Amino acid sequence: MNQIIIASHGGLALGMKKTVEFFGGSNIEYLEQTMTDTGFNEKAREIIEKHKHKNCIVFTDLYGGSVNQIFYRLLNDYDFHLVTGMNLSVIMECVFASADIDDEFIRNAIQLSKTQFTYMNDVDLSNEDDD
């Protein structure tokens, strides 16, 4: 069983969770580090410990950021997938996966999301339908 965990600085994780739920996703946990919150290390360990018997996929917001670093260190003690630079399309691919997610699935989802990352000012829409 896949367990999605979204972790970020500030309110990004909750926003991502609510957005995925808007599209029908469920079974998502989130964890946020704030300026006034203490004990994020322990909270991160607790959430991984809680789901250690599941196929966990953790998404963090920034490569090299403190949230990512904390989960990266947890890879020494726990078996889970860690993806940083969270992206809505990758999270949705994982949330709606019908089978257990593996390394190859995650790599393919990341590669697919790169095709959606576009500077729209460079796109010529003059020949496109209104949809």
N, C-alpha and C. Protein backbone atom coordinates (compact mmCIF):
# COMPACT_ATOMS: atom_id res chain seq x y z
N MET A 1 0.84 -1.18 0.00
CA MET A 1 0.00 0.00 0.00
C MET A 1 0.88 1.25 0.00
N ASN A 2 0.59 2.16 -0.90
CA ASN A 2 1.35 3.40 -0.99
C ASN A 2 0.85 4.41 0.04
N GLN A 3 1.79 5.08 0.68
CA GLN A 3 1.46 6.17 1.61
C GLN A 3 2.20 7.41 1.15
N ILE A 4 1.45 8.44 0.81
CA ILE A 4 2.03 9.70 0.36
C ILE A 4 2.17 10.63 1.56
N ILE A 5 3.37 11.21 1.70
CA ILE A 5 3.65 12.19 2.73
C ILE A 5 4.22 13.43 2.03
N ILE A 6 3.63 14.58 2.30
CA ILE A 6 4.09 15.83 1.72
C ILE A 6 4.64 16.69 2.86
N ALA A 7 5.89 17.14 2.72
CA ALA A 7 6.53 17.92 3.78
C ALA A 7 7.13 19.18 3.18
N SER A 8 6.94 20.29 3.89
CA SER A 8 7.43 21.57 3.36
C SER A 8 7.68 22.58 4.46
N HIS A 9 8.21 23.70 4.04
CA HIS A 9 8.28 24.89 4.88
C HIS A 9 6.93 25.60 4.73
N GLY A 10 6.45 26.20 5.81
CA GLY A 10 5.22 26.98 5.73
C GLY A 10 4.02 26.15 5.32
N GLY A 11 3.09 26.76 4.59
CA GLY A 11 1.81 26.14 4.26
C GLY A 11 1.74 25.39 2.95
N LEU A 12 2.87 25.22 2.27
CA LEU A 12 2.85 24.57 0.95
C LEU A 12 2.32 23.14 1.01
N ALA A 13 2.75 22.37 1.99
CA ALA A 13 2.33 20.96 2.07
C ALA A 13 0.82 20.83 2.21
N LEU A 14 0.24 21.63 3.09
CA LEU A 14 -1.21 21.57 3.26
C LEU A 14 -1.92 22.00 1.99
N GLY A 15 -1.41 23.02 1.32
CA GLY A 15 -1.99 23.45 0.05
C GLY A 15 -1.94 22.37 -1.00
N MET A 16 -0.81 21.69 -1.10
CA MET A 16 -0.69 20.58 -2.07
C MET A 16 -1.67 19.47 -1.72
N LYS A 17 -1.75 19.13 -0.43
CA LYS A 17 -2.67 18.08 0.00
C LYS A 17 -4.11 18.44 -0.39
N LYS A 18 -4.51 19.66 -0.10
CA LYS A 18 -5.88 20.09 -0.42
C LYS A 18 -6.13 20.10 -1.92
N THR A 19 -5.12 20.47 -2.69
CA THR A 19 -5.27 20.49 -4.15
C THR A 19 -5.44 19.08 -4.69
N VAL A 20 -4.63 18.14 -4.21
CA VAL A 20 -4.75 16.75 -4.66
C VAL A 20 -6.11 16.19 -4.24
N GLU A 21 -6.57 16.53 -3.05
CA GLU A 21 -7.90 16.07 -2.61
C GLU A 21 -9.00 16.67 -3.47
N PHE A 22 -8.82 17.89 -3.95
CA PHE A 22 -9.78 18.50 -4.86
C PHE A 22 -9.99 17.63 -6.09
N PHE A 23 -8.91 16.98 -6.56
CA PHE A 23 -8.99 16.10 -7.73
C PHE A 23 -9.36 14.67 -7.37
N GLY A 24 -9.69 14.41 -6.12
CA GLY A 24 -10.16 13.09 -5.72
C GLY A 24 -9.14 12.24 -5.01
N GLY A 25 -7.97 12.77 -4.74
CA GLY A 25 -6.94 12.01 -4.04
C GLY A 25 -7.24 11.89 -2.55
N SER A 26 -6.69 10.87 -1.95
CA SER A 26 -6.87 10.66 -0.51
C SER A 26 -5.64 9.95 0.04
N ASN A 27 -5.67 9.66 1.34
CA ASN A 27 -4.60 8.94 2.00
C ASN A 27 -3.27 9.70 1.92
N ILE A 28 -3.33 10.99 2.18
CA ILE A 28 -2.15 11.85 2.12
C ILE A 28 -1.91 12.43 3.50
N GLU A 29 -0.69 12.33 3.97
CA GLU A 29 -0.31 12.99 5.22
C GLU A 29 0.57 14.16 4.87
N TYR A 30 0.59 15.15 5.73
CA TYR A 30 1.47 16.30 5.48
C TYR A 30 2.15 16.73 6.77
N LEU A 31 3.28 17.38 6.59
CA LEU A 31 4.06 17.88 7.71
C LEU A 31 4.71 19.18 7.27
N GLU A 32 4.59 20.20 8.13
CA GLU A 32 5.13 21.51 7.76
C GLU A 32 6.03 22.05 8.85
N GLN A 33 7.13 22.65 8.42
CA GLN A 33 8.04 23.31 9.34
C GLN A 33 7.74 24.80 9.31
N THR A 34 7.52 25.37 10.48
CA THR A 34 7.22 26.80 10.57
C THR A 34 8.31 27.49 11.37
N MET A 35 8.28 28.81 11.37
CA MET A 35 9.27 29.60 12.11
C MET A 35 9.13 29.40 13.62
N THR A 36 7.91 29.17 14.09
CA THR A 36 7.69 29.05 15.53
C THR A 36 7.62 27.61 16.01
N ASP A 37 7.49 26.67 15.10
CA ASP A 37 7.36 25.27 15.46
C ASP A 37 8.72 24.70 15.84
N THR A 38 8.73 23.90 16.87
CA THR A 38 9.96 23.21 17.26
C THR A 38 9.71 21.71 17.16
N GLY A 39 10.77 20.95 17.09
CA GLY A 39 10.63 19.50 17.08
C GLY A 39 10.31 18.91 15.72
N PHE A 40 10.65 19.60 14.64
CA PHE A 40 10.34 19.06 13.31
C PHE A 40 11.06 17.73 13.07
N ASN A 41 12.30 17.62 13.54
CA ASN A 41 13.05 16.35 13.37
C ASN A 41 12.26 15.18 13.95
N GLU A 42 11.76 15.36 15.16
CA GLU A 42 11.01 14.30 15.83
C GLU A 42 9.70 14.01 15.11
N LYS A 43 9.04 15.06 14.65
CA LYS A 43 7.78 14.87 13.93
C LYS A 43 8.01 14.11 12.62
N ALA A 44 9.10 14.41 11.94
CA ALA A 44 9.42 13.70 10.70
C ALA A 44 9.68 12.23 10.99
N ARG A 45 10.46 11.96 12.02
CA ARG A 45 10.74 10.56 12.40
C ARG A 45 9.44 9.85 12.79
N GLU A 46 8.57 10.52 13.53
CA GLU A 46 7.31 9.91 13.96
C GLU A 46 6.43 9.54 12.77
N ILE A 47 6.34 10.41 11.78
CA ILE A 47 5.46 10.14 10.64
C ILE A 47 6.02 8.98 9.80
N ILE A 48 7.35 8.89 9.68
CA ILE A 48 7.95 7.76 8.96
C ILE A 48 7.79 6.48 9.77
N GLU A 49 8.00 6.55 11.06
CA GLU A 49 7.84 5.39 11.93
C GLU A 49 6.40 4.87 11.86
N LYS A 50 5.45 5.78 11.87
CA LYS A 50 4.03 5.42 11.82
C LYS A 50 3.70 4.61 10.56
N HIS A 51 4.37 4.91 9.47
CA HIS A 51 4.06 4.26 8.19
C HIS A 51 5.19 3.35 7.70
N LYS A 52 6.06 2.90 8.60
CA LYS A 52 7.24 2.15 8.17
C LYS A 52 6.92 0.82 7.49
N HIS A 53 5.74 0.29 7.67
CA HIS A 53 5.38 -0.97 7.03
C HIS A 53 4.61 -0.75 5.72
N LYS A 54 4.53 0.50 5.30
CA LYS A 54 3.87 0.83 4.04
C LYS A 54 4.93 1.27 3.04
N ASN A 55 4.52 1.38 1.81
CA ASN A 55 5.39 1.88 0.75
C ASN A 55 5.27 3.41 0.74
N CYS A 56 6.14 4.08 1.51
CA CYS A 56 6.04 5.53 1.68
C CYS A 56 6.78 6.28 0.58
N ILE A 57 6.12 7.31 0.09
CA ILE A 57 6.73 8.24 -0.84
C ILE A 57 6.62 9.61 -0.18
N VAL A 58 7.78 10.20 0.13
CA VAL A 58 7.82 11.50 0.79
C VAL A 58 8.23 12.54 -0.24
N PHE A 59 7.45 13.60 -0.32
CA PHE A 59 7.75 14.73 -1.19
C PHE A 59 8.15 15.91 -0.31
N THR A 60 9.29 16.52 -0.63
CA THR A 60 9.72 17.72 0.08
C THR A 60 9.84 18.87 -0.91
N ASP A 61 9.84 20.09 -0.38
CA ASP A 61 9.75 21.25 -1.25
C ASP A 61 11.07 21.66 -1.91
N LEU A 62 12.16 21.74 -1.18
CA LEU A 62 13.40 22.29 -1.73
C LEU A 62 14.58 21.35 -1.58
N TYR A 63 15.26 21.11 -2.68
CA TYR A 63 16.51 20.35 -2.64
C TYR A 63 17.50 21.11 -1.77
N GLY A 64 18.04 20.47 -0.77
CA GLY A 64 19.01 21.11 0.11
C GLY A 64 18.39 21.89 1.24
N GLY A 65 17.06 22.07 1.23
CA GLY A 65 16.39 22.78 2.32
C GLY A 65 16.37 21.92 3.58
N SER A 66 16.09 22.55 4.70
CA SER A 66 16.13 21.83 5.98
C SER A 66 15.13 20.68 6.03
N VAL A 67 13.95 20.85 5.46
CA VAL A 67 12.95 19.77 5.46
C VAL A 67 13.50 18.56 4.70
N ASN A 68 14.06 18.81 3.53
CA ASN A 68 14.63 17.73 2.73
C ASN A 68 15.81 17.08 3.45
N GLN A 69 16.65 17.87 4.07
CA GLN A 69 17.81 17.32 4.78
C GLN A 69 17.40 16.40 5.91
N ILE A 70 16.35 16.77 6.64
CA ILE A 70 15.87 15.95 7.75
C ILE A 70 15.38 14.60 7.24
N PHE A 71 14.58 14.60 6.18
CA PHE A 71 14.09 13.33 5.63
C PHE A 71 15.22 12.54 4.97
N TYR A 72 16.16 13.24 4.36
CA TYR A 72 17.29 12.55 3.73
C TYR A 72 18.08 11.75 4.77
N ARG A 73 18.28 12.33 5.94
CA ARG A 73 18.99 11.61 7.01
C ARG A 73 18.20 10.40 7.49
N LEU A 74 16.88 10.47 7.43
CA LEU A 74 16.04 9.35 7.86
C LEU A 74 16.17 8.14 6.93
N LEU A 75 16.68 8.36 5.71
CA LEU A 75 16.89 7.24 4.79
C LEU A 75 17.91 6.24 5.35
N ASN A 76 18.74 6.68 6.29
CA ASN A 76 19.69 5.77 6.94
C ASN A 76 18.99 4.75 7.82
N ASP A 77 17.82 5.10 8.36
CA ASP A 77 17.12 4.24 9.31
C ASP A 77 15.84 3.61 8.78
N TYR A 78 15.31 4.17 7.70
CA TYR A 78 14.03 3.70 7.17
C TYR A 78 14.10 3.53 5.66
N ASP A 79 13.23 2.65 5.17
CA ASP A 79 13.14 2.39 3.73
C ASP A 79 11.93 3.13 3.19
N PHE A 80 12.16 4.22 2.46
CA PHE A 80 11.09 4.98 1.83
C PHE A 80 11.66 5.71 0.62
N HIS A 81 10.77 6.20 -0.22
CA HIS A 81 11.16 6.98 -1.39
C HIS A 81 11.14 8.45 -1.01
N LEU A 82 12.16 9.20 -1.40
CA LEU A 82 12.22 10.62 -1.11
C LEU A 82 12.39 11.40 -2.41
N VAL A 83 11.44 12.28 -2.68
CA VAL A 83 11.45 13.11 -3.88
C VAL A 83 11.44 14.56 -3.44
N THR A 84 12.35 15.37 -3.96
CA THR A 84 12.38 16.78 -3.59
C THR A 84 12.08 17.65 -4.80
N GLY A 85 11.74 18.90 -4.53
CA GLY A 85 11.28 19.78 -5.60
C GLY A 85 9.86 19.39 -5.96
N MET A 86 9.03 19.22 -4.95
CA MET A 86 7.69 18.66 -5.15
C MET A 86 6.95 19.35 -6.30
N ASN A 87 6.17 18.56 -6.96
CA ASN A 87 5.49 18.96 -8.17
C ASN A 87 4.11 18.32 -8.16
N LEU A 88 3.08 19.11 -8.40
CA LEU A 88 1.71 18.60 -8.32
C LEU A 88 1.47 17.41 -9.24
N SER A 89 1.97 17.47 -10.46
CA SER A 89 1.70 16.36 -11.39
C SER A 89 2.37 15.06 -10.92
N VAL A 90 3.55 15.14 -10.34
CA VAL A 90 4.22 13.92 -9.85
C VAL A 90 3.48 13.38 -8.63
N ILE A 91 3.08 14.26 -7.74
CA ILE A 91 2.32 13.81 -6.57
C ILE A 91 1.04 13.13 -7.01
N MET A 92 0.34 13.71 -7.97
CA MET A 92 -0.91 13.11 -8.44
C MET A 92 -0.68 11.76 -9.10
N GLU A 93 0.39 11.64 -9.88
CA GLU A 93 0.72 10.33 -10.48
C GLU A 93 0.85 9.28 -9.39
N CYS A 94 1.50 9.64 -8.30
CA CYS A 94 1.73 8.69 -7.21
C CYS A 94 0.45 8.43 -6.41
N VAL A 95 -0.32 9.45 -6.16
CA VAL A 95 -1.56 9.28 -5.40
C VAL A 95 -2.53 8.35 -6.14
N PHE A 96 -2.60 8.49 -7.45
CA PHE A 96 -3.56 7.71 -8.22
C PHE A 96 -2.97 6.42 -8.80
N ALA A 97 -1.77 6.05 -8.39
CA ALA A 97 -1.16 4.79 -8.85
C ALA A 97 -1.98 3.62 -8.33
N SER A 98 -2.21 2.64 -9.19
CA SER A 98 -3.02 1.49 -8.80
C SER A 98 -2.18 0.36 -8.20
N ALA A 99 -0.88 0.43 -8.36
CA ALA A 99 0.01 -0.60 -7.82
C ALA A 99 1.06 0.06 -6.93
N ASP A 100 1.82 -0.78 -6.24
CA ASP A 100 2.90 -0.23 -5.42
C ASP A 100 3.89 0.53 -6.29
N ILE A 101 4.29 1.67 -5.80
CA ILE A 101 5.22 2.53 -6.51
C ILE A 101 6.63 2.06 -6.25
N ASP A 102 7.44 2.02 -7.32
CA ASP A 102 8.84 1.67 -7.17
C ASP A 102 9.71 2.78 -7.76
N ASP A 103 11.02 2.57 -7.72
CA ASP A 103 11.96 3.58 -8.22
C ASP A 103 11.67 3.96 -9.67
N GLU A 104 11.42 2.97 -10.50
CA GLU A 104 11.17 3.23 -11.92
C GLU A 104 9.92 4.08 -12.12
N PHE A 105 8.86 3.78 -11.36
CA PHE A 105 7.63 4.56 -11.45
C PHE A 105 7.91 6.02 -11.14
N ILE A 106 8.64 6.27 -10.07
CA ILE A 106 8.94 7.65 -9.67
C ILE A 106 9.79 8.35 -10.72
N ARG A 107 10.81 7.67 -11.21
CA ARG A 107 11.65 8.29 -12.24
C ARG A 107 10.83 8.64 -13.49
N ASN A 108 9.93 7.76 -13.89
CA ASN A 108 9.08 8.03 -15.06
C ASN A 108 8.12 9.19 -14.80
N ALA A 109 7.55 9.26 -13.60
CA ALA A 109 6.64 10.36 -13.26
C ALA A 109 7.37 11.69 -13.28
N ILE A 110 8.60 11.71 -12.77
CA ILE A 110 9.40 12.94 -12.79
C ILE A 110 9.71 13.33 -14.22
N GLN A 111 10.10 12.37 -15.03
CA GLN A 111 10.42 12.67 -16.44
C GLN A 111 9.20 13.21 -17.17
N LEU A 112 8.05 12.60 -16.95
CA LEU A 112 6.81 13.07 -17.58
C LEU A 112 6.47 14.49 -17.13
N SER A 113 6.69 14.80 -15.86
CA SER A 113 6.36 16.14 -15.37
C SER A 113 7.24 17.20 -16.00
N LYS A 114 8.44 16.83 -16.39
CA LYS A 114 9.35 17.80 -17.02
C LYS A 114 8.80 18.30 -18.35
N THR A 115 7.99 17.48 -19.01
CA THR A 115 7.41 17.90 -20.29
C THR A 115 6.29 18.91 -20.08
N GLN A 116 5.77 18.99 -18.85
CA GLN A 116 4.69 19.93 -18.53
C GLN A 116 5.23 21.26 -18.00
N PHE A 117 6.50 21.33 -17.71
CA PHE A 117 7.12 22.54 -17.18
C PHE A 117 7.50 23.42 -18.36
N THR A 118 6.71 24.45 -18.61
CA THR A 118 6.82 25.23 -19.84
C THR A 118 6.65 26.72 -19.56
N TYR A 119 7.47 27.52 -20.20
CA TYR A 119 7.30 28.97 -20.18
C TYR A 119 6.28 29.28 -21.27
N MET A 120 5.05 29.56 -20.86
CA MET A 120 3.93 29.66 -21.80
C MET A 120 4.04 30.84 -22.76
N ASN A 121 4.81 31.85 -22.46
CA ASN A 121 4.99 32.97 -23.39
C ASN A 121 5.66 32.52 -24.68
N ASP A 122 6.38 31.40 -24.62
CA ASP A 122 7.05 30.88 -25.80
C ASP A 122 6.16 29.95 -26.64
N VAL A 123 4.97 29.66 -26.17
CA VAL A 123 4.08 28.73 -26.86
C VAL A 123 3.17 29.51 -27.80
N ASP A 124 3.16 29.12 -29.06
CA ASP A 124 2.31 29.76 -30.05
C ASP A 124 0.94 29.09 -30.02
N LEU A 125 -0.02 29.79 -29.49
CA LEU A 125 -1.37 29.24 -29.36
C LEU A 125 -2.29 29.65 -30.51
N SER A 126 -1.75 30.34 -31.50
CA SER A 126 -2.60 30.84 -32.58
C SER A 126 -3.24 29.72 -33.39
N ASN A 127 -2.64 28.55 -33.39
CA ASN A 127 -3.19 27.42 -34.16
C ASN A 127 -3.88 26.42 -33.26
N GLU A 128 -4.07 26.75 -32.00
CA GLU A 128 -4.67 25.84 -31.04
C GLU A 128 -6.17 26.09 -30.91
N ASP A 129 -6.91 25.04 -30.52
CA ASP A 129 -8.31 25.18 -30.19
C ASP A 129 -8.44 25.96 -28.89
N ASP A 130 -9.63 26.44 -28.59
CA ASP A 130 -9.86 27.19 -27.37
C ASP A 130 -9.71 26.34 -26.12
N ASP A 131 -9.85 25.02 -26.23
CA ASP A 131 -9.74 24.15 -25.08
C ASP A 131 -8.30 23.99 -24.70
